[in-house]
Structures are given as C-alpha cells and as structure tokens.
Amino acid sequence: MRYQTPYLKTLRFRWYRLVERDQRSVESVCTLYGIPKKTYYKWYRRDHGLAPCAYRTRLTDRKTKLTQPIRQFIEDTKYVTNYGPLKMKFAVKRAFHIDVSTTIIYRYYQRRKLIQKPQRTMPWYEPLKEHLVVTRAGQGVQMDVKYVYATGKRQYQFSVLDPYTESYHCTIAEAKTSNNAIVALQAAEKYFRFPITSVQTDNGSEFRGNLHTWLVKHRIPHYFIPKHSPYWNAQVERIHKTVDDEYYQNPRRTWKTIHDWLHFYNYKRLHQTLNGLTPHEKVLQSVTLDC
C-alpha cells in the first residue's frame, strides 16, 4: 500500500506562489492554510531538490515491527519456553507494549528455524516391565529434570544419580532439550570418575531424540520407565527434595553455590542407605571389591 501525503503538489505550490509572487510572509501563509512553518520548509526543500522527495509516513510498517530488541527477545524466549506464535504475541505485548500478529511471528520462526519439531512415538520406545537390579557403580543411572530459580528466572536442573553409590551430579541449563541432557550426562560421568554403563529415564522429550541416539551410538543401554510412574525413578526424585531442603530452600545454608553443596553431598554427607558411608567412600569400596 502506497501512502499519499495530505499536502498535494498543487496545494503546496499555492503556498510558494503566495510567498514568492505575492510577497506574503511565510508566517501569514502558514496561518492561512493552518500548517506549521516546519511543514512549509520541509516541503519547500523537497520540492526544490534540497531534500529527498520520498514521502515517509509516521505509521509503523508492519514489516519493521520486529526491531532488533524484539527479535532478540523472541529468540531468547522461544529457546527457553518454546512458545507458539499466540503465546509469543502475548509475551511481546507485555514486554514492549506493541501488537505483533501471529503470522509475522510464525514467519520469523520459519526464517530463523526456531520451530522445534514435536517428539513422535518412536519404534525403539519400550518401557521397563521389571525394576532394574544394579550390582555395581554406573548401572541404571537415573536422570530427571527439575525447575530451579537460582538466578531469579526459570532454569532447568538436569539431575544424574547413580543408584548403587548414591553419587549425584547436576547441571543447570537454560532450556530443557535432549542436547543439554547429553551435556549433563557427560559432565556427571566426568565428575563420578567411573563409566556410566546404562541409563534409566522417563519418556520426556528431553530424554528422547538426540540423547537416545547418542546413547545407542556409544552402546549404552537406555531404559524407559512406564508412563506416569515417577516412583520407578524414586532415588533421583528423592534427591530433588534433598537438594531443596538442604540448599535451595535452606535459609541457613553455608554453601555459596550448588557446586559447593555437591561436594558436601558426595564427599562429606553420611547416607543411611549406605550404612553411614559417603557416596565417595562407597565408590572406593566398590572399586576395592571389584579388584
């Protein structure tokens, strides 16, 4: 749509004629036609080749509504929340007080490849029918995710717990994705200092797709618990309550960071389920028995 100036060319030349031929003052001509002097001089410069002639409307072009701050906001929010176009429209309006159509947002998703494909039912998915029997460290390592607000905004804590030694490690990420689950598993294995030989998770999207492909590639068995049965992952579910009680919701905590608490948990905290040992002592004991 081409916008037309409200001051047609014939009208503008009447202004100039009154000033140049009839020797009227610019102020009197502007008063006669009800326009400010700024408007007169602006069009005078354009019509006499002293300024660009293109008319620029004050209305915002719908194609330019997505300014750089809004585009950055959309990408950051999409990565964390995976909002669809309608929810993103609400988020943009709340943050910038501007209406952006869902069509514009969806097309921006397409251009920036921000659309995350939904997880489909995969042929390899088969839930456990019996509980795993773990006999050594690294078997049946349980993984889960919980929300945390350590920095004042929602983040995702990927928990990795070895049920045999009670060794625990967590990684905090900005998004709940399978790629971040891989990073968390690798970090936990490096922290535990023993190989992870099998993994047990629920059927959440963050534990499927890329994570499962990575486990298959490294020949690590991946077991899925039955749907809607979190008690099959009871130990890692219990650790979430422990970390809340001792760290996140403890007003008298002495640890400055979650990593400080992890060191306490694995190297100093006595565990009743381990007969008074720490997870690190249990690891050393299991290594001695294997030898």
C-alpha atoms as a PDB file:
ATOM      1  CA  MET A   1       0.000   0.000   0.000  1.00  0.00           C
ATOM      2  CA  ARG A   2       1.409   3.420  -1.005  1.00  0.00           C
ATOM      3  CA  TYR A   3       0.704   6.228   1.434  1.00  0.00           C
ATOM      4  CA  GLN A   4      -0.258   9.630  -0.008  1.00  0.00           C
ATOM      5  CA  THR A   5       0.805  12.897   1.545  1.00  0.00           C
ATOM      6  CA  PRO A   6      -2.076  15.026   2.850  1.00  0.00           C
ATOM      7  CA  TYR A   7      -0.496  18.060   1.131  1.00  0.00           C
ATOM      8  CA  LEU A   8      -0.922  17.636  -2.624  1.00  0.00           C
ATOM      9  CA  LYS A   9       1.539  19.190  -5.022  1.00  0.00           C
ATOM     10  CA  THR A  10      -0.980  21.745  -6.343  1.00  0.00           C
ATOM     11  CA  LEU A  11      -1.694  22.869  -2.792  1.00  0.00           C
ATOM     12  CA  ARG A  12       1.989  23.213  -1.937  1.00  0.00           C
ATOM     13  CA  PHE A  13       2.674  25.353  -4.996  1.00  0.00           C
ATOM     14  CA  ARG A  14      -0.070  27.741  -3.897  1.00  0.00           C
ATOM     15  CA  TRP A  15       1.984  28.304  -0.737  1.00  0.00           C
ATOM     16  CA  TYR A  16       5.119  29.045  -2.716  1.00  0.00           C
ATOM     17  CA  ARG A  17       3.254  31.356  -5.150  1.00  0.00           C
ATOM     18  CA  LEU A  18       1.837  33.452  -2.329  1.00  0.00           C
ATOM     19  CA  VAL A  19       5.293  33.836  -0.809  1.00  0.00           C
ATOM     20  CA  GLU A  20       7.389  34.305  -3.962  1.00  0.00           C
ATOM     21  CA  ARG A  21       4.989  36.164  -6.308  1.00  0.00           C
ATOM     22  CA  ASP A  22       2.633  37.939  -3.940  1.00  0.00           C
ATOM     23  CA  GLN A  23       5.361  38.714  -1.390  1.00  0.00           C
ATOM     24  CA  ARG A  24       3.378  37.273   1.513  1.00  0.00           C
ATOM     25  CA  SER A  25       5.303  36.238   4.588  1.00  0.00           C
ATOM     26  CA  VAL A  26       5.747  32.524   5.313  1.00  0.00           C
ATOM     27  CA  GLU A  27       4.107  33.008   8.684  1.00  0.00           C
ATOM     28  CA  SER A  28       0.944  34.531   7.185  1.00  0.00           C
ATOM     29  CA  VAL A  29       0.684  31.780   4.546  1.00  0.00           C
ATOM     30  CA  CYS A  30       1.059  29.098   7.213  1.00  0.00           C
ATOM     31  CA  THR A  31      -1.621  30.775   9.309  1.00  0.00           C
ATOM     32  CA  LEU A  32      -3.923  30.984   6.276  1.00  0.00           C
ATOM     33  CA  TYR A  33      -3.616  27.264   5.478  1.00  0.00           C
ATOM     34  CA  GLY A  34      -3.360  26.085   9.090  1.00  0.00           C
ATOM     35  CA  ILE A  35       0.067  24.485   8.833  1.00  0.00           C
ATOM     36  CA  PRO A  36       3.211  24.931  10.939  1.00  0.00           C
ATOM     37  CA  LYS A  37       6.212  26.682   9.408  1.00  0.00           C
ATOM     38  CA  LYS A  38       8.200  23.474   9.867  1.00  0.00           C
ATOM     39  CA  THR A  39       5.881  21.735   7.407  1.00  0.00           C
ATOM     40  CA  TYR A  40       6.227  24.539   4.887  1.00  0.00           C
ATOM     41  CA  TYR A  41      10.032  24.475   4.919  1.00  0.00           C
ATOM     42  CA  LYS A  42      10.136  20.682   4.845  1.00  0.00           C
ATOM     43  CA  TRP A  43       8.103  20.524   1.655  1.00  0.00           C
ATOM     44  CA  TYR A  44       9.893  23.529   0.175  1.00  0.00           C
ATOM     45  CA  ARG A  45      13.220  21.718   0.466  1.00  0.00           C
ATOM     46  CA  ARG A  46      11.785  18.563  -1.071  1.00  0.00           C
ATOM     47  CA  ASP A  47      10.052  20.312  -3.972  1.00  0.00           C
ATOM     48  CA  HIS A  48      13.148  22.378  -4.785  1.00  0.00           C
ATOM     49  CA  GLY A  49      15.558  19.432  -4.764  1.00  0.00           C
ATOM     50  CA  LEU A  50      17.169  20.262  -1.446  1.00  0.00           C
ATOM     51  CA  ALA A  51      15.935  17.090   0.311  1.00  0.00           C
ATOM     52  CA  PRO A  52      14.723  13.601  -0.704  1.00  0.00           C
ATOM     53  CA  CYS A  53      11.289  13.633  -2.283  1.00  0.00           C
ATOM     54  CA  ALA A  54      10.096  10.309  -0.939  1.00  0.00           C
ATOM     55  CA  TYR A  55       7.217  10.680   1.458  1.00  0.00           C
ATOM     56  CA  ARG A  56       7.724   8.770   4.689  1.00  0.00           C
ATOM     57  CA  THR A  57       4.643   8.076   6.748  1.00  0.00           C
ATOM     58  CA  ARG A  58       4.748   8.193  10.516  1.00  0.00           C
ATOM     59  CA  LEU A  59       2.817   4.918  10.660  1.00  0.00           C
ATOM     60  CA  THR A  60       4.869   1.866  11.564  1.00  0.00           C
ATOM     61  CA  ASP A  61       5.333  -0.541   8.691  1.00  0.00           C
ATOM     62  CA  ARG A  62       4.186  -3.980   9.788  1.00  0.00           C
ATOM     63  CA  LYS A  63       7.332  -5.476   8.274  1.00  0.00           C
ATOM     64  CA  THR A  64       9.531  -3.349  10.525  1.00  0.00           C
ATOM     65  CA  LYS A  65       7.689  -4.011  13.776  1.00  0.00           C
ATOM     66  CA  LEU A  66      10.241  -6.681  14.628  1.00  0.00           C
ATOM     67  CA  THR A  67      13.034  -4.380  15.672  1.00  0.00           C
ATOM     68  CA  GLN A  68      16.338  -5.842  16.832  1.00  0.00           C
ATOM     69  CA  PRO A  69      15.396  -5.834  20.559  1.00  0.00           C
ATOM     70  CA  ILE A  70      12.095  -7.576  19.770  1.00  0.00           C
ATOM     71  CA  ARG A  71      13.794 -10.161  17.542  1.00  0.00           C
ATOM     72  CA  GLN A  72      16.338 -10.918  20.249  1.00  0.00           C
ATOM     73  CA  PHE A  73      13.553 -11.186  22.827  1.00  0.00           C
ATOM     74  CA  ILE A  74      11.623 -13.620  20.621  1.00  0.00           C
ATOM     75  CA  GLU A  75      14.659 -15.841  20.054  1.00  0.00           C
ATOM     76  CA  ASP A  76      15.634 -15.912  23.732  1.00  0.00           C
ATOM     77  CA  THR A  77      12.074 -16.581  24.885  1.00  0.00           C
ATOM     78  CA  LYS A  78      11.497 -19.231  22.226  1.00  0.00           C
ATOM     79  CA  TYR A  79      14.653 -21.067  23.254  1.00  0.00           C
ATOM     80  CA  VAL A  80      13.623 -21.180  26.907  1.00  0.00           C
ATOM     81  CA  THR A  81       9.827 -21.596  26.732  1.00  0.00           C
ATOM     82  CA  ASN A  82       9.184 -22.850  23.173  1.00  0.00           C
ATOM     83  CA  TYR A  83       6.112 -20.583  22.965  1.00  0.00           C
ATOM     84  CA  GLY A  84       3.897 -20.816  19.913  1.00  0.00           C
ATOM     85  CA  PRO A  85       3.025 -17.677  17.884  1.00  0.00           C
ATOM     86  CA  LEU A  86      -0.007 -16.757  20.019  1.00  0.00           C
ATOM     87  CA  LYS A  87       1.771 -17.017  23.374  1.00  0.00           C
ATOM     88  CA  MET A  88       4.750 -15.185  21.911  1.00  0.00           C
ATOM     89  CA  LYS A  89       2.407 -12.397  20.797  1.00  0.00           C
ATOM     90  CA  PHE A  90       1.225 -12.025  24.403  1.00  0.00           C
ATOM     91  CA  ALA A  91       4.828 -12.045  25.662  1.00  0.00           C
ATOM     92  CA  VAL A  92       5.910  -9.360  23.175  1.00  0.00           C
ATOM     93  CA  LYS A  93       2.931  -7.179  24.051  1.00  0.00           C
ATOM     94  CA  ARG A  94       3.683  -7.479  27.751  1.00  0.00           C
ATOM     95  CA  ALA A  95       7.375  -6.678  27.310  1.00  0.00           C
ATOM     96  CA  PHE A  96       7.234  -3.988  24.582  1.00  0.00           C
ATOM     97  CA  HIS A  97       3.579  -2.802  24.598  1.00  0.00           C
ATOM     98  CA  ILE A  98       3.271  -3.471  20.869  1.00  0.00           C
ATOM     99  CA  ASP A  99       0.933  -5.741  18.922  1.00  0.00           C
ATOM    100  CA  VAL A 100       2.639  -8.119  16.514  1.00  0.00           C
ATOM    101  CA  SER A 101       0.469 -10.505  14.533  1.00  0.00           C
ATOM    102  CA  THR A 102       0.897 -14.243  14.944  1.00  0.00           C
ATOM    103  CA  THR A 103       1.556 -14.501  11.199  1.00  0.00           C
ATOM    104  CA  ILE A 104       4.593 -12.223  11.441  1.00  0.00           C
ATOM    105  CA  ILE A 105       5.887 -14.184  14.434  1.00  0.00           C
ATOM    106  CA  TYR A 106       5.349 -17.532  12.699  1.00  0.00           C
ATOM    107  CA  ARG A 107       7.160 -16.376   9.569  1.00  0.00           C
ATOM    108  CA  TYR A 108      10.027 -15.158  11.720  1.00  0.00           C
ATOM    109  CA  TYR A 109      10.136 -18.597  13.360  1.00  0.00           C
ATOM    110  CA  GLN A 110      10.419 -20.116   9.895  1.00  0.00           C
ATOM    111  CA  ARG A 111      13.177 -17.751   8.728  1.00  0.00           C
ATOM    112  CA  ARG A 112      15.249 -18.304  11.855  1.00  0.00           C
ATOM    113  CA  LYS A 113      14.443 -22.044  12.026  1.00  0.00           C
ATOM    114  CA  LEU A 114      13.072 -21.704  15.547  1.00  0.00           C
ATOM    115  CA  ILE A 115      10.281 -24.249  15.154  1.00  0.00           C
ATOM    116  CA  GLN A 116      11.056 -27.315  17.240  1.00  0.00           C
ATOM    117  CA  LYS A 117       9.556 -30.438  15.779  1.00  0.00           C
ATOM    118  CA  PRO A 118       7.410 -32.358  18.271  1.00  0.00           C
ATOM    119  CA  GLN A 119       8.631 -35.722  19.517  1.00  0.00           C
ATOM    120  CA  ARG A 120       6.810 -38.554  17.823  1.00  0.00           C
ATOM    121  CA  THR A 121       6.182 -42.050  19.066  1.00  0.00           C
ATOM    122  CA  MET A 122       9.377 -43.892  18.214  1.00  0.00           C
ATOM    123  CA  PRO A 123       9.657 -47.606  17.438  1.00  0.00           C
ATOM    124  CA  TRP A 124      12.509 -48.087  19.933  1.00  0.00           C
ATOM    125  CA  TYR A 125      10.421 -46.968  22.896  1.00  0.00           C
ATOM    126  CA  GLU A 126       9.566 -49.880  25.170  1.00  0.00           C
ATOM    127  CA  PRO A 127       9.043 -49.288  28.903  1.00  0.00           C
ATOM    128  CA  LEU A 128      10.510 -51.464  31.608  1.00  0.00           C
ATOM    129  CA  LYS A 129       8.312 -54.239  32.947  1.00  0.00           C
ATOM    130  CA  GLU A 130      10.508 -55.027  35.954  1.00  0.00           C
ATOM    131  CA  HIS A 131      12.824 -52.919  38.077  1.00  0.00           C
ATOM    132  CA  LEU A 132      16.500 -52.982  37.177  1.00  0.00           C
ATOM    133  CA  VAL A 133      18.819 -54.851  39.509  1.00  0.00           C
ATOM    134  CA  VAL A 134      22.008 -52.844  39.955  1.00  0.00           C
ATOM    135  CA  THR A 135      25.108 -54.628  41.215  1.00  0.00           C
ATOM    136  CA  ARG A 136      27.847 -52.079  40.546  1.00  0.00           C
ATOM    137  CA  ALA A 137      28.519 -48.396  40.049  1.00  0.00           C
ATOM    138  CA  GLY A 138      27.359 -46.949  36.732  1.00  0.00           C
ATOM    139  CA  GLN A 139      24.437 -49.317  36.211  1.00  0.00           C
ATOM    140  CA  GLY A 140      20.909 -47.952  35.834  1.00  0.00           C
ATOM    141  CA  VAL A 141      21.982 -44.336  36.340  1.00  0.00           C
ATOM    142  CA  GLN A 142      18.789 -42.324  36.842  1.00  0.00           C
ATOM    143  CA  MET A 143      18.174 -38.964  35.165  1.00  0.00           C
ATOM    144  CA  ASP A 144      15.467 -36.380  35.729  1.00  0.00           C
ATOM    145  CA  VAL A 145      14.829 -32.633  35.403  1.00  0.00           C
ATOM    146  CA  LYS A 146      13.517 -30.101  37.908  1.00  0.00           C
ATOM    147  CA  TYR A 147      12.793 -26.376  37.723  1.00  0.00           C
ATOM    148  CA  VAL A 148      15.063 -24.055  39.683  1.00  0.00           C
ATOM    149  CA  TYR A 149      15.136 -20.272  40.112  1.00  0.00           C
ATOM    150  CA  ALA A 150      18.733 -19.805  41.260  1.00  0.00           C
ATOM    151  CA  THR A 151      19.141 -16.561  39.283  1.00  0.00           C
ATOM    152  CA  GLY A 152      15.577 -15.293  39.637  1.00  0.00           C
ATOM    153  CA  LYS A 153      14.352 -16.841  36.392  1.00  0.00           C
ATOM    154  CA  ARG A 154      13.265 -20.339  35.499  1.00  0.00           C
ATOM    155  CA  GLN A 155      16.101 -22.708  34.654  1.00  0.00           C
ATOM    156  CA  TYR A 156      16.322 -26.465  34.301  1.00  0.00           C
ATOM    157  CA  GLN A 157      18.430 -28.663  36.565  1.00  0.00           C
ATOM    158  CA  PHE A 158      19.394 -31.958  34.934  1.00  0.00           C
ATOM    159  CA  SER A 159      19.956 -34.462  37.732  1.00  0.00           C
ATOM    160  CA  VAL A 160      22.097 -37.583  37.316  1.00  0.00           C
ATOM    161  CA  LEU A 161      22.201 -40.099  40.180  1.00  0.00           C
ATOM    162  CA  ASP A 162      23.972 -43.434  40.441  1.00  0.00           C
ATOM    163  CA  PRO A 163      21.660 -45.706  42.492  1.00  0.00           C
ATOM    164  CA  TYR A 164      24.447 -48.052  43.623  1.00  0.00           C
ATOM    165  CA  THR A 165      26.765 -45.462  45.199  1.00  0.00           C
ATOM    166  CA  GLU A 166      24.245 -42.598  45.625  1.00  0.00           C
ATOM    167  CA  SER A 167      26.706 -40.370  43.733  1.00  0.00           C
ATOM    168  CA  TYR A 168      24.911 -37.308  42.427  1.00  0.00           C
ATOM    169  CA  HIS A 169      25.660 -34.553  39.951  1.00  0.00           C
ATOM    170  CA  CYS A 170      23.520 -31.848  38.374  1.00  0.00           C
ATOM    171  CA  THR A 171      23.845 -29.409  35.509  1.00  0.00           C
ATOM    172  CA  ILE A 172      21.754 -26.238  35.240  1.00  0.00           C
ATOM    173  CA  ALA A 173      20.699 -25.259  31.711  1.00  0.00           C
ATOM    174  CA  GLU A 174      18.571 -22.555  30.117  1.00  0.00           C
ATOM    175  CA  ALA A 175      16.433 -24.989  28.108  1.00  0.00           C
ATOM    176  CA  LYS A 176      15.045 -28.487  28.581  1.00  0.00           C
ATOM    177  CA  THR A 177      16.470 -30.142  25.470  1.00  0.00           C
ATOM    178  CA  SER A 178      17.984 -33.517  24.671  1.00  0.00           C
ATOM    179  CA  ASN A 179      21.278 -31.856  23.754  1.00  0.00           C
ATOM    180  CA  ASN A 180      21.508 -30.384  27.244  1.00  0.00           C
ATOM    181  CA  ALA A 181      20.727 -33.833  28.648  1.00  0.00           C
ATOM    182  CA  ILE A 182      23.779 -35.181  26.786  1.00  0.00           C
ATOM    183  CA  VAL A 183      25.940 -32.419  28.253  1.00  0.00           C
ATOM    184  CA  ALA A 184      24.633 -33.199  31.757  1.00  0.00           C
ATOM    185  CA  LEU A 185      25.336 -36.926  31.378  1.00  0.00           C
ATOM    186  CA  GLN A 186      28.878 -36.312  30.140  1.00  0.00           C
ATOM    187  CA  ALA A 187      29.554 -33.872  32.981  1.00  0.00           C
ATOM    188  CA  ALA A 188      28.237 -36.379  35.534  1.00  0.00           C
ATOM    189  CA  GLU A 189      30.414 -39.205  34.202  1.00  0.00           C
ATOM    190  CA  LYS A 190      33.481 -36.972  34.417  1.00  0.00           C
ATOM    191  CA  TYR A 191      32.531 -35.973  37.972  1.00  0.00           C
ATOM    192  CA  PHE A 192      31.809 -39.548  39.121  1.00  0.00           C
ATOM    193  CA  ARG A 193      35.124 -40.869  37.738  1.00  0.00           C
ATOM    194  CA  PHE A 194      33.561 -44.182  36.793  1.00  0.00           C
ATOM    195  CA  PRO A 195      31.913 -45.154  33.492  1.00  0.00           C
ATOM    196  CA  ILE A 196      28.148 -44.988  33.093  1.00  0.00           C
ATOM    197  CA  THR A 197      27.100 -48.314  31.591  1.00  0.00           C
ATOM    198  CA  SER A 198      23.297 -47.896  31.432  1.00  0.00           C
ATOM    199  CA  VAL A 199      20.761 -45.093  31.872  1.00  0.00           C
ATOM    200  CA  GLN A 200      17.184 -45.045  33.155  1.00  0.00           C
ATOM    201  CA  THR A 201      14.831 -42.131  32.406  1.00  0.00           C
ATOM    202  CA  ASP A 202      11.194 -41.267  31.970  1.00  0.00           C
ATOM    203  CA  ASN A 203       9.780 -40.715  28.481  1.00  0.00           C
ATOM    204  CA  GLY A 204      10.107 -36.921  28.467  1.00  0.00           C
ATOM    205  CA  SER A 205      11.153 -35.289  25.202  1.00  0.00           C
ATOM    206  CA  GLU A 206      14.466 -34.191  26.727  1.00  0.00           C
ATOM    207  CA  PHE A 207      15.455 -37.849  27.180  1.00  0.00           C
ATOM    208  CA  ARG A 208      14.499 -38.971  23.704  1.00  0.00           C
ATOM    209  CA  GLY A 209      15.650 -37.956  20.252  1.00  0.00           C
ATOM    210  CA  ASN A 210      19.279 -36.846  20.349  1.00  0.00           C
ATOM    211  CA  LEU A 211      20.006 -38.294  23.794  1.00  0.00           C
ATOM    212  CA  HIS A 212      18.789 -41.752  22.835  1.00  0.00           C
ATOM    213  CA  THR A 213      20.700 -41.594  19.543  1.00  0.00           C
ATOM    214  CA  TRP A 214      23.850 -40.613  21.432  1.00  0.00           C
ATOM    215  CA  LEU A 215      23.429 -43.490  23.901  1.00  0.00           C
ATOM    216  CA  VAL A 216      22.880 -46.007  21.101  1.00  0.00           C
ATOM    217  CA  LYS A 217      25.960 -44.694  19.290  1.00  0.00           C
ATOM    218  CA  HIS A 218      28.058 -45.231  22.439  1.00  0.00           C
ATOM    219  CA  ARG A 219      26.433 -48.622  23.108  1.00  0.00           C
ATOM    220  CA  ILE A 220      24.934 -47.560  26.414  1.00  0.00           C
ATOM    221  CA  PRO A 221      21.574 -49.263  27.147  1.00  0.00           C
ATOM    222  CA  HIS A 222      18.739 -46.791  27.664  1.00  0.00           C
ATOM    223  CA  TYR A 223      15.800 -47.949  29.773  1.00  0.00           C
ATOM    224  CA  PHE A 224      12.477 -46.092  29.944  1.00  0.00           C
ATOM    225  CA  ILE A 225      10.229 -46.316  32.983  1.00  0.00           C
ATOM    226  CA  PRO A 226       6.463 -46.777  32.419  1.00  0.00           C
ATOM    227  CA  LYS A 227       4.465 -43.648  31.695  1.00  0.00           C
ATOM    228  CA  HIS A 228       3.066 -41.730  34.661  1.00  0.00           C
ATOM    229  CA  SER A 229       5.208 -43.790  37.057  1.00  0.00           C
ATOM    230  CA  PRO A 230       7.771 -41.449  38.650  1.00  0.00           C
ATOM    231  CA  TYR A 231       8.247 -43.851  41.584  1.00  0.00           C
ATOM    232  CA  TRP A 232      10.281 -46.060  39.231  1.00  0.00           C
ATOM    233  CA  ASN A 233      12.858 -43.260  39.395  1.00  0.00           C
ATOM    234  CA  ALA A 234      12.378 -42.918  43.145  1.00  0.00           C
ATOM    235  CA  GLN A 235      16.007 -42.242  44.044  1.00  0.00           C
ATOM    236  CA  VAL A 236      16.529 -39.323  41.689  1.00  0.00           C
ATOM    237  CA  GLU A 237      13.076 -37.983  42.589  1.00  0.00           C
ATOM    238  CA  ARG A 238      14.076 -38.126  46.260  1.00  0.00           C
ATOM    239  CA  ILE A 239      17.300 -36.253  45.619  1.00  0.00           C
ATOM    240  CA  HIS A 240      15.252 -33.320  44.336  1.00  0.00           C
ATOM    241  CA  LYS A 241      13.604 -32.988  47.741  1.00  0.00           C
ATOM    242  CA  THR A 242      17.001 -33.273  49.408  1.00  0.00           C
ATOM    243  CA  VAL A 243      18.562 -30.504  47.329  1.00  0.00           C
ATOM    244  CA  ASP A 244      15.540 -28.286  48.018  1.00  0.00           C
ATOM    245  CA  ASP A 245      15.645 -28.910  51.786  1.00  0.00           C
ATOM    246  CA  GLU A 246      19.396 -28.562  52.173  1.00  0.00           C
ATOM    247  CA  TYR A 247      20.257 -25.942  49.561  1.00  0.00           C
ATOM    248  CA  TYR A 248      17.570 -24.026  47.637  1.00  0.00           C
ATOM    249  CA  GLN A 249      15.066 -23.613  50.487  1.00  0.00           C
ATOM    250  CA  ASN A 250      17.511 -23.598  53.387  1.00  0.00           C
ATOM    251  CA  PRO A 251      17.810 -20.058  54.846  1.00  0.00           C
ATOM    252  CA  ARG A 252      20.774 -21.141  56.999  1.00  0.00           C
ATOM    253  CA  ARG A 253      22.799 -22.837  54.303  1.00  0.00           C
ATOM    254  CA  THR A 254      26.549 -22.349  54.377  1.00  0.00           C
ATOM    255  CA  TRP A 255      27.262 -23.238  50.734  1.00  0.00           C
ATOM    256  CA  LYS A 256      27.594 -20.364  48.305  1.00  0.00           C
ATOM    257  CA  THR A 257      26.955 -22.343  45.120  1.00  0.00           C
ATOM    258  CA  ILE A 258      25.292 -25.575  44.100  1.00  0.00           C
ATOM    259  CA  HIS A 259      28.756 -26.970  43.315  1.00  0.00           C
ATOM    260  CA  ASP A 260      29.798 -26.434  46.937  1.00  0.00           C
ATOM    261  CA  TRP A 261      26.753 -28.377  48.075  1.00  0.00           C
ATOM    262  CA  LEU A 262      27.501 -31.165  45.567  1.00  0.00           C
ATOM    263  CA  HIS A 263      30.967 -31.571  47.071  1.00  0.00           C
ATOM    264  CA  PHE A 264      29.444 -31.792  50.551  1.00  0.00           C
ATOM    265  CA  TYR A 265      26.821 -34.293  49.416  1.00  0.00           C
ATOM    266  CA  ASN A 266      29.255 -36.637  47.674  1.00  0.00           C
ATOM    267  CA  TYR A 267      32.293 -36.362  49.959  1.00  0.00           C
ATOM    268  CA  LYS A 268      31.092 -35.443  53.471  1.00  0.00           C
ATOM    269  CA  ARG A 269      27.392 -36.215  53.909  1.00  0.00           C
ATOM    270  CA  LEU A 270      26.732 -39.578  55.572  1.00  0.00           C
ATOM    271  CA  HIS A 271      23.997 -41.707  53.994  1.00  0.00           C
ATOM    272  CA  GLN A 272      21.842 -44.085  55.965  1.00  0.00           C
ATOM    273  CA  THR A 273      21.160 -46.172  52.854  1.00  0.00           C
ATOM    274  CA  LEU A 274      24.941 -46.671  52.524  1.00  0.00           C
ATOM    275  CA  ASN A 275      25.310 -47.755  56.174  1.00  0.00           C
ATOM    276  CA  GLY A 276      26.926 -44.494  57.220  1.00  0.00           C
ATOM    277  CA  LEU A 277      29.251 -44.103  54.233  1.00  0.00           C
ATOM    278  CA  THR A 278      29.545 -41.148  51.901  1.00  0.00           C
ATOM    279  CA  PRO A 279      28.969 -41.707  48.165  1.00  0.00           C
ATOM    280  CA  HIS A 280      32.696 -41.237  47.531  1.00  0.00           C
ATOM    281  CA  GLU A 281      33.565 -43.875  50.146  1.00  0.00           C
ATOM    282  CA  LYS A 282      31.053 -46.226  48.542  1.00  0.00           C
ATOM    283  CA  VAL A 283      32.738 -45.693  45.179  1.00  0.00           C
ATOM    284  CA  LEU A 284      36.143 -46.535  46.672  1.00  0.00           C
ATOM    285  CA  GLN A 285      34.666 -49.594  48.372  1.00  0.00           C
ATOM    286  CA  SER A 286      33.108 -50.833  45.134  1.00  0.00           C
ATOM    287  CA  VAL A 287      36.419 -50.401  43.299  1.00  0.00           C
ATOM    288  CA  THR A 288      38.197 -52.410  46.014  1.00  0.00           C
ATOM    289  CA  LEU A 289      35.630 -55.205  45.811  1.00  0.00           C
ATOM    290  CA  ASP A 290      35.936 -55.354  42.025  1.00  0.00           C
ATOM    291  CA  CYS A 291      39.678 -55.782  42.356  1.00  0.00           C
END
